[in-house]
């Protein structure tokens, strides 16, 4: 069982705000099915529902910094999904293509390794990229993300300043973001759920 699965929604949101893609993957797996069924009841269209739910989670990733601490994530997602459906209906855009569906995205890459990606594969890839970080940066990042140490605790243990810790973690996140695009992460998880979608 992943260590992330034992974390609360609020803890996961904190990690997502720091760019932690595996925390995002946990939220995605935790709520994707619930959001899909919730939206499907309102739209009655599976394809549009998949598009809308993908947009919902993409917006969560892009706008997570604006979510207030202590927010009930479940309620936030339900309200956001409802508002998106109402907006589509209001503007007569139930057939909107604001985001291409993941099935279309996958079709453009059908001959690539993306078709075979799984969440486990991506986890391995992420771990490999972490190991490729500069030595000191990797040490600080792993203390933060794997041992859940605070910036202060890391600073005291390594005899460096809090500012240095924060800078090194931020730099690590920027590097990892460049190497592991979030949309590939979403695709990998969605592919693992493909059989569930087709059976609905």
C-alpha atoms as a PDB file:
ATOM      1  CA  UNK A   1       0.000   0.000   0.000  1.00  0.00           C
ATOM      2  CA  UNK A   2       1.344   3.415  -0.953  1.00  0.00           C
ATOM      3  CA  UNK A   3       2.205   5.738   1.929  1.00  0.00           C
ATOM      4  CA  UNK A   4       0.062   8.352   0.193  1.00  0.00           C
ATOM      5  CA  UNK A   5      -3.083   6.258   0.592  1.00  0.00           C
ATOM      6  CA  UNK A   6      -2.909   6.711   4.361  1.00  0.00           C
ATOM      7  CA  UNK A   7      -2.759  10.513   4.164  1.00  0.00           C
ATOM      8  CA  UNK A   8      -5.788  12.758   4.595  1.00  0.00           C
ATOM      9  CA  UNK A   9      -7.079  14.886   1.730  1.00  0.00           C
ATOM     10  CA  UNK A  10      -5.721  18.018   3.377  1.00  0.00           C
ATOM     11  CA  UNK A  11      -2.244  16.536   3.737  1.00  0.00           C
ATOM     12  CA  UNK A  12      -2.316  15.459   0.094  1.00  0.00           C
ATOM     13  CA  UNK A  13      -3.369  18.961  -0.964  1.00  0.00           C
ATOM     14  CA  UNK A  14      -0.397  20.385   0.906  1.00  0.00           C
ATOM     15  CA  UNK A  15       1.932  18.093  -1.027  1.00  0.00           C
ATOM     16  CA  UNK A  16       0.230  18.899  -4.328  1.00  0.00           C
ATOM     17  CA  UNK A  17       0.821  22.588  -3.646  1.00  0.00           C
ATOM     18  CA  UNK A  18       4.515  21.711  -3.551  1.00  0.00           C
ATOM     19  CA  UNK A  19       4.265  19.971  -6.903  1.00  0.00           C
ATOM     20  CA  UNK A  20       4.036  16.383  -5.637  1.00  0.00           C
ATOM     21  CA  UNK A  21       2.599  14.396  -8.549  1.00  0.00           C
ATOM     22  CA  UNK A  22       2.172  11.158  -6.600  1.00  0.00           C
ATOM     23  CA  UNK A  23      -0.015  13.000  -4.094  1.00  0.00           C
ATOM     24  CA  UNK A  24      -2.063  14.218  -7.050  1.00  0.00           C
ATOM     25  CA  UNK A  25      -2.256  10.639  -8.348  1.00  0.00           C
ATOM     26  CA  UNK A  26      -3.700   9.531  -4.999  1.00  0.00           C
ATOM     27  CA  UNK A  27      -6.363  12.258  -5.088  1.00  0.00           C
ATOM     28  CA  UNK A  28      -7.134  11.368  -8.696  1.00  0.00           C
ATOM     29  CA  UNK A  29      -7.631   7.676  -7.924  1.00  0.00           C
ATOM     30  CA  UNK A  30      -9.515   8.471  -4.732  1.00  0.00           C
ATOM     31  CA  UNK A  31     -12.110  10.688  -6.406  1.00  0.00           C
ATOM     32  CA  UNK A  32     -12.156   9.972 -10.151  1.00  0.00           C
ATOM     33  CA  UNK A  33     -14.834   7.276  -9.987  1.00  0.00           C
ATOM     34  CA  UNK A  34     -17.035   9.289  -7.649  1.00  0.00           C
ATOM     35  CA  UNK A  35     -16.818  12.361  -9.863  1.00  0.00           C
ATOM     36  CA  UNK A  36     -17.477  10.346 -13.017  1.00  0.00           C
ATOM     37  CA  UNK A  37     -20.719   8.875 -11.670  1.00  0.00           C
ATOM     38  CA  UNK A  38     -21.767  12.223 -10.195  1.00  0.00           C
ATOM     39  CA  UNK A  39     -21.330  14.055 -13.496  1.00  0.00           C
ATOM     40  CA  UNK A  40     -22.763  11.231 -15.600  1.00  0.00           C
ATOM     41  CA  UNK A  41     -26.060  11.520 -13.712  1.00  0.00           C
ATOM     42  CA  UNK A  42     -26.268  15.152 -14.820  1.00  0.00           C
ATOM     43  CA  UNK A  43     -25.049  14.894 -18.434  1.00  0.00           C
ATOM     44  CA  UNK A  44     -26.168  11.418 -19.421  1.00  0.00           C
ATOM     45  CA  UNK A  45     -23.215  11.354 -21.826  1.00  0.00           C
ATOM     46  CA  UNK A  46     -20.169   9.209 -21.021  1.00  0.00           C
ATOM     47  CA  UNK A  47     -17.801  10.938 -23.438  1.00  0.00           C
ATOM     48  CA  UNK A  48     -18.718  14.424 -22.244  1.00  0.00           C
ATOM     49  CA  UNK A  49     -18.500  13.208 -18.664  1.00  0.00           C
ATOM     50  CA  UNK A  50     -14.958  11.930 -19.172  1.00  0.00           C
ATOM     51  CA  UNK A  51     -13.957  15.255 -20.726  1.00  0.00           C
ATOM     52  CA  UNK A  52     -15.506  17.254 -17.932  1.00  0.00           C
ATOM     53  CA  UNK A  53     -13.970  15.132 -15.167  1.00  0.00           C
ATOM     54  CA  UNK A  54     -10.551  15.424 -16.813  1.00  0.00           C
ATOM     55  CA  UNK A  55     -11.016  19.197 -16.906  1.00  0.00           C
ATOM     56  CA  UNK A  56     -12.060  19.122 -13.261  1.00  0.00           C
ATOM     57  CA  UNK A  57      -8.834  17.421 -12.159  1.00  0.00           C
ATOM     58  CA  UNK A  58      -6.651  19.434 -14.496  1.00  0.00           C
ATOM     59  CA  UNK A  59      -8.069  22.601 -12.962  1.00  0.00           C
ATOM     60  CA  UNK A  60      -7.452  21.182  -9.497  1.00  0.00           C
ATOM     61  CA  UNK A  61      -3.764  20.766 -10.347  1.00  0.00           C
ATOM     62  CA  UNK A  62      -3.446  24.186 -11.943  1.00  0.00           C
ATOM     63  CA  UNK A  63      -5.383  26.078  -9.253  1.00  0.00           C
ATOM     64  CA  UNK A  64      -4.510  24.146  -6.108  1.00  0.00           C
ATOM     65  CA  UNK A  65      -2.682  27.184  -4.689  1.00  0.00           C
ATOM     66  CA  UNK A  66      -6.031  28.985  -4.436  1.00  0.00           C
ATOM     67  CA  UNK A  67      -7.678  26.285  -2.307  1.00  0.00           C
ATOM     68  CA  UNK A  68      -7.893  27.445   1.292  1.00  0.00           C
ATOM     69  CA  UNK A  69      -6.308  25.276   4.009  1.00  0.00           C
ATOM     70  CA  UNK A  70      -8.853  23.021   5.671  1.00  0.00           C
ATOM     71  CA  UNK A  71     -11.147  22.946   2.627  1.00  0.00           C
ATOM     72  CA  UNK A  72     -13.338  19.846   2.373  1.00  0.00           C
ATOM     73  CA  UNK A  73     -11.953  18.436  -0.863  1.00  0.00           C
ATOM     74  CA  UNK A  74     -14.892  16.128  -1.521  1.00  0.00           C
ATOM     75  CA  UNK A  75     -17.366  19.004  -1.264  1.00  0.00           C
ATOM     76  CA  UNK A  76     -15.076  21.227  -3.337  1.00  0.00           C
ATOM     77  CA  UNK A  77     -14.954  18.697  -6.171  1.00  0.00           C
ATOM     78  CA  UNK A  78     -18.704  18.009  -6.096  1.00  0.00           C
ATOM     79  CA  UNK A  79     -19.558  21.711  -6.234  1.00  0.00           C
ATOM     80  CA  UNK A  80     -16.968  22.378  -8.952  1.00  0.00           C
ATOM     81  CA  UNK A  81     -18.325  19.518 -11.063  1.00  0.00           C
ATOM     82  CA  UNK A  82     -21.909  20.693 -10.648  1.00  0.00           C
ATOM     83  CA  UNK A  83     -20.981  24.245 -11.608  1.00  0.00           C
ATOM     84  CA  UNK A  84     -19.175  23.053 -14.718  1.00  0.00           C
ATOM     85  CA  UNK A  85     -22.217  21.085 -15.869  1.00  0.00           C
ATOM     86  CA  UNK A  86     -24.539  24.023 -15.196  1.00  0.00           C
ATOM     87  CA  UNK A  87     -22.209  26.317 -17.137  1.00  0.00           C
ATOM     88  CA  UNK A  88     -22.161  23.953 -20.097  1.00  0.00           C
ATOM     89  CA  UNK A  89     -25.932  23.691 -20.132  1.00  0.00           C
ATOM     90  CA  UNK A  90     -26.381  27.449 -19.717  1.00  0.00           C
ATOM     91  CA  UNK A  91     -24.233  28.134 -22.752  1.00  0.00           C
ATOM     92  CA  UNK A  92     -25.592  25.214 -24.740  1.00  0.00           C
ATOM     93  CA  UNK A  93     -22.160  23.632 -24.875  1.00  0.00           C
ATOM     94  CA  UNK A  94     -22.787  20.104 -23.693  1.00  0.00           C
ATOM     95  CA  UNK A  95     -20.735  19.100 -26.744  1.00  0.00           C
ATOM     96  CA  UNK A  96     -17.830  21.376 -25.819  1.00  0.00           C
ATOM     97  CA  UNK A  97     -14.251  20.403 -26.534  1.00  0.00           C
ATOM     98  CA  UNK A  98     -12.482  22.613 -23.999  1.00  0.00           C
ATOM     99  CA  UNK A  99     -10.120  19.700 -23.302  1.00  0.00           C
ATOM    100  CA  UNK A 100      -9.569  16.856 -25.751  1.00  0.00           C
ATOM    101  CA  UNK A 101     -10.617  13.550 -24.254  1.00  0.00           C
ATOM    102  CA  UNK A 102      -7.903  11.222 -23.065  1.00  0.00           C
ATOM    103  CA  UNK A 103      -8.976   8.687 -25.656  1.00  0.00           C
ATOM    104  CA  UNK A 104      -8.137  11.201 -28.404  1.00  0.00           C
ATOM    105  CA  UNK A 105      -4.877  12.068 -26.706  1.00  0.00           C
ATOM    106  CA  UNK A 106      -3.956   8.398 -26.462  1.00  0.00           C
ATOM    107  CA  UNK A 107      -4.791   7.802 -30.127  1.00  0.00           C
ATOM    108  CA  UNK A 108      -2.125  10.305 -31.156  1.00  0.00           C
ATOM    109  CA  UNK A 109       0.434   8.297 -29.189  1.00  0.00           C
ATOM    110  CA  UNK A 110      -0.794   4.793 -29.943  1.00  0.00           C
ATOM    111  CA  UNK A 111       2.617   3.647 -31.149  1.00  0.00           C
ATOM    112  CA  UNK A 112       4.521   5.074 -28.222  1.00  0.00           C
ATOM    113  CA  UNK A 113       5.395   3.854 -24.780  1.00  0.00           C
ATOM    114  CA  UNK A 114       2.628   6.039 -23.340  1.00  0.00           C
ATOM    115  CA  UNK A 115       0.144   3.312 -24.227  1.00  0.00           C
ATOM    116  CA  UNK A 116       1.837   1.006 -21.761  1.00  0.00           C
ATOM    117  CA  UNK A 117       2.220   3.433 -18.907  1.00  0.00           C
ATOM    118  CA  UNK A 118       0.737   2.553 -15.545  1.00  0.00           C
ATOM    119  CA  UNK A 119       0.783   4.441 -12.289  1.00  0.00           C
ATOM    120  CA  UNK A 120       3.423   1.981 -11.096  1.00  0.00           C
ATOM    121  CA  UNK A 121       5.579   2.675 -14.155  1.00  0.00           C
ATOM    122  CA  UNK A 122       5.362   6.395 -13.533  1.00  0.00           C
ATOM    123  CA  UNK A 123       6.213   5.936  -9.868  1.00  0.00           C
ATOM    124  CA  UNK A 124       9.343   4.086 -10.934  1.00  0.00           C
ATOM    125  CA  UNK A 125      10.157   6.820 -13.447  1.00  0.00           C
ATOM    126  CA  UNK A 126       9.692   9.504 -10.818  1.00  0.00           C
ATOM    127  CA  UNK A 127      11.950   7.645  -8.386  1.00  0.00           C
ATOM    128  CA  UNK A 128      14.591   7.383 -11.084  1.00  0.00           C
ATOM    129  CA  UNK A 129      14.431  11.124 -11.717  1.00  0.00           C
ATOM    130  CA  UNK A 130      14.687  11.822  -7.989  1.00  0.00           C
ATOM    131  CA  UNK A 131      17.855   9.730  -7.877  1.00  0.00           C
ATOM    132  CA  UNK A 132      19.236  11.821 -10.741  1.00  0.00           C
ATOM    133  CA  UNK A 133      18.906  15.055  -8.765  1.00  0.00           C
ATOM    134  CA  UNK A 134      22.101  16.651  -7.444  1.00  0.00           C
ATOM    135  CA  UNK A 135      23.233  14.872  -4.277  1.00  0.00           C
ATOM    136  CA  UNK A 136      22.391  17.555  -1.693  1.00  0.00           C
ATOM    137  CA  UNK A 137      19.146  18.490  -3.433  1.00  0.00           C
ATOM    138  CA  UNK A 138      18.086  14.831  -3.504  1.00  0.00           C
ATOM    139  CA  UNK A 139      18.887  14.385   0.183  1.00  0.00           C
ATOM    140  CA  UNK A 140      16.804  17.414   1.170  1.00  0.00           C
ATOM    141  CA  UNK A 141      13.935  16.451  -1.144  1.00  0.00           C
ATOM    142  CA  UNK A 142      13.779  12.884   0.178  1.00  0.00           C
ATOM    143  CA  UNK A 143      13.824  14.064   3.783  1.00  0.00           C
ATOM    144  CA  UNK A 144      10.848  16.263   2.959  1.00  0.00           C
ATOM    145  CA  UNK A 145       8.818  13.932   0.749  1.00  0.00           C
ATOM    146  CA  UNK A 146       9.718  10.479   2.032  1.00  0.00           C
ATOM    147  CA  UNK A 147      10.353  11.099   5.717  1.00  0.00           C
ATOM    148  CA  UNK A 148       7.911  14.020   6.017  1.00  0.00           C
ATOM    149  CA  UNK A 149      10.357  16.290   7.818  1.00  0.00           C
ATOM    150  CA  UNK A 150       9.568  19.979   8.110  1.00  0.00           C
ATOM    151  CA  UNK A 151      11.867  22.602   6.638  1.00  0.00           C
ATOM    152  CA  UNK A 152      13.051  23.460  10.141  1.00  0.00           C
ATOM    153  CA  UNK A 153      13.802  19.847  11.007  1.00  0.00           C
ATOM    154  CA  UNK A 154      15.778  19.359   7.806  1.00  0.00           C
ATOM    155  CA  UNK A 155      17.706  22.581   8.365  1.00  0.00           C
ATOM    156  CA  UNK A 156      18.660  21.501  11.875  1.00  0.00           C
ATOM    157  CA  UNK A 157      19.668  18.004  10.798  1.00  0.00           C
ATOM    158  CA  UNK A 158      21.837  19.184   7.894  1.00  0.00           C
ATOM    159  CA  UNK A 159      23.077  22.363   9.585  1.00  0.00           C
ATOM    160  CA  UNK A 160      21.782  24.673   6.895  1.00  0.00           C
ATOM    161  CA  UNK A 161      19.257  27.497   6.823  1.00  0.00           C
ATOM    162  CA  UNK A 162      15.506  27.119   6.371  1.00  0.00           C
ATOM    163  CA  UNK A 163      15.836  29.337   3.297  1.00  0.00           C
ATOM    164  CA  UNK A 164      18.325  26.935   1.720  1.00  0.00           C
ATOM    165  CA  UNK A 165      16.016  23.995   2.397  1.00  0.00           C
ATOM    166  CA  UNK A 166      13.078  25.749   0.792  1.00  0.00           C
ATOM    167  CA  UNK A 167      15.125  26.781  -2.233  1.00  0.00           C
ATOM    168  CA  UNK A 168      16.487  23.276  -2.785  1.00  0.00           C
ATOM    169  CA  UNK A 169      13.020  21.702  -2.551  1.00  0.00           C
ATOM    170  CA  UNK A 170      11.553  24.255  -4.963  1.00  0.00           C
ATOM    171  CA  UNK A 171      14.395  23.651  -7.417  1.00  0.00           C
ATOM    172  CA  UNK A 172      13.871  19.892  -7.186  1.00  0.00           C
ATOM    173  CA  UNK A 173      10.180  20.311  -7.911  1.00  0.00           C
ATOM    174  CA  UNK A 174      10.902  22.467 -10.965  1.00  0.00           C
ATOM    175  CA  UNK A 175      13.300  19.877 -12.337  1.00  0.00           C
ATOM    176  CA  UNK A 176      10.894  16.995 -11.771  1.00  0.00           C
ATOM    177  CA  UNK A 177       8.025  18.925 -13.325  1.00  0.00           C
ATOM    178  CA  UNK A 178      10.044  19.424 -16.493  1.00  0.00           C
ATOM    179  CA  UNK A 179      10.759  15.708 -16.724  1.00  0.00           C
ATOM    180  CA  UNK A 180       7.391  14.283 -15.746  1.00  0.00           C
ATOM    181  CA  UNK A 181       4.507  16.107 -17.348  1.00  0.00           C
ATOM    182  CA  UNK A 182       1.296  16.010 -15.322  1.00  0.00           C
ATOM    183  CA  UNK A 183      -0.826  15.088 -18.332  1.00  0.00           C
ATOM    184  CA  UNK A 184       1.193  11.923 -18.805  1.00  0.00           C
ATOM    185  CA  UNK A 185       0.459  11.131 -15.191  1.00  0.00           C
ATOM    186  CA  UNK A 186      -3.272  11.609 -15.747  1.00  0.00           C
ATOM    187  CA  UNK A 187      -3.134   9.456 -18.862  1.00  0.00           C
ATOM    188  CA  UNK A 188      -1.303   6.647 -17.091  1.00  0.00           C
ATOM    189  CA  UNK A 189      -3.876   6.490 -14.332  1.00  0.00           C
ATOM    190  CA  UNK A 190      -6.781   6.751 -16.749  1.00  0.00           C
ATOM    191  CA  UNK A 191      -5.421   3.875 -18.818  1.00  0.00           C
ATOM    192  CA  UNK A 192      -5.394   1.711 -15.725  1.00  0.00           C
ATOM    193  CA  UNK A 193      -9.086   2.536 -15.265  1.00  0.00           C
ATOM    194  CA  UNK A 194     -10.037   1.957 -18.907  1.00  0.00           C
ATOM    195  CA  UNK A 195     -11.648  -1.410 -18.254  1.00  0.00           C
ATOM    196  CA  UNK A 196     -13.838   0.130 -15.547  1.00  0.00           C
ATOM    197  CA  UNK A 197     -15.025   2.858 -17.921  1.00  0.00           C
ATOM    198  CA  UNK A 198     -15.882   0.444 -20.709  1.00  0.00           C
ATOM    199  CA  UNK A 199     -17.980  -1.669 -18.354  1.00  0.00           C
ATOM    200  CA  UNK A 200     -20.187   1.233 -17.288  1.00  0.00           C
END
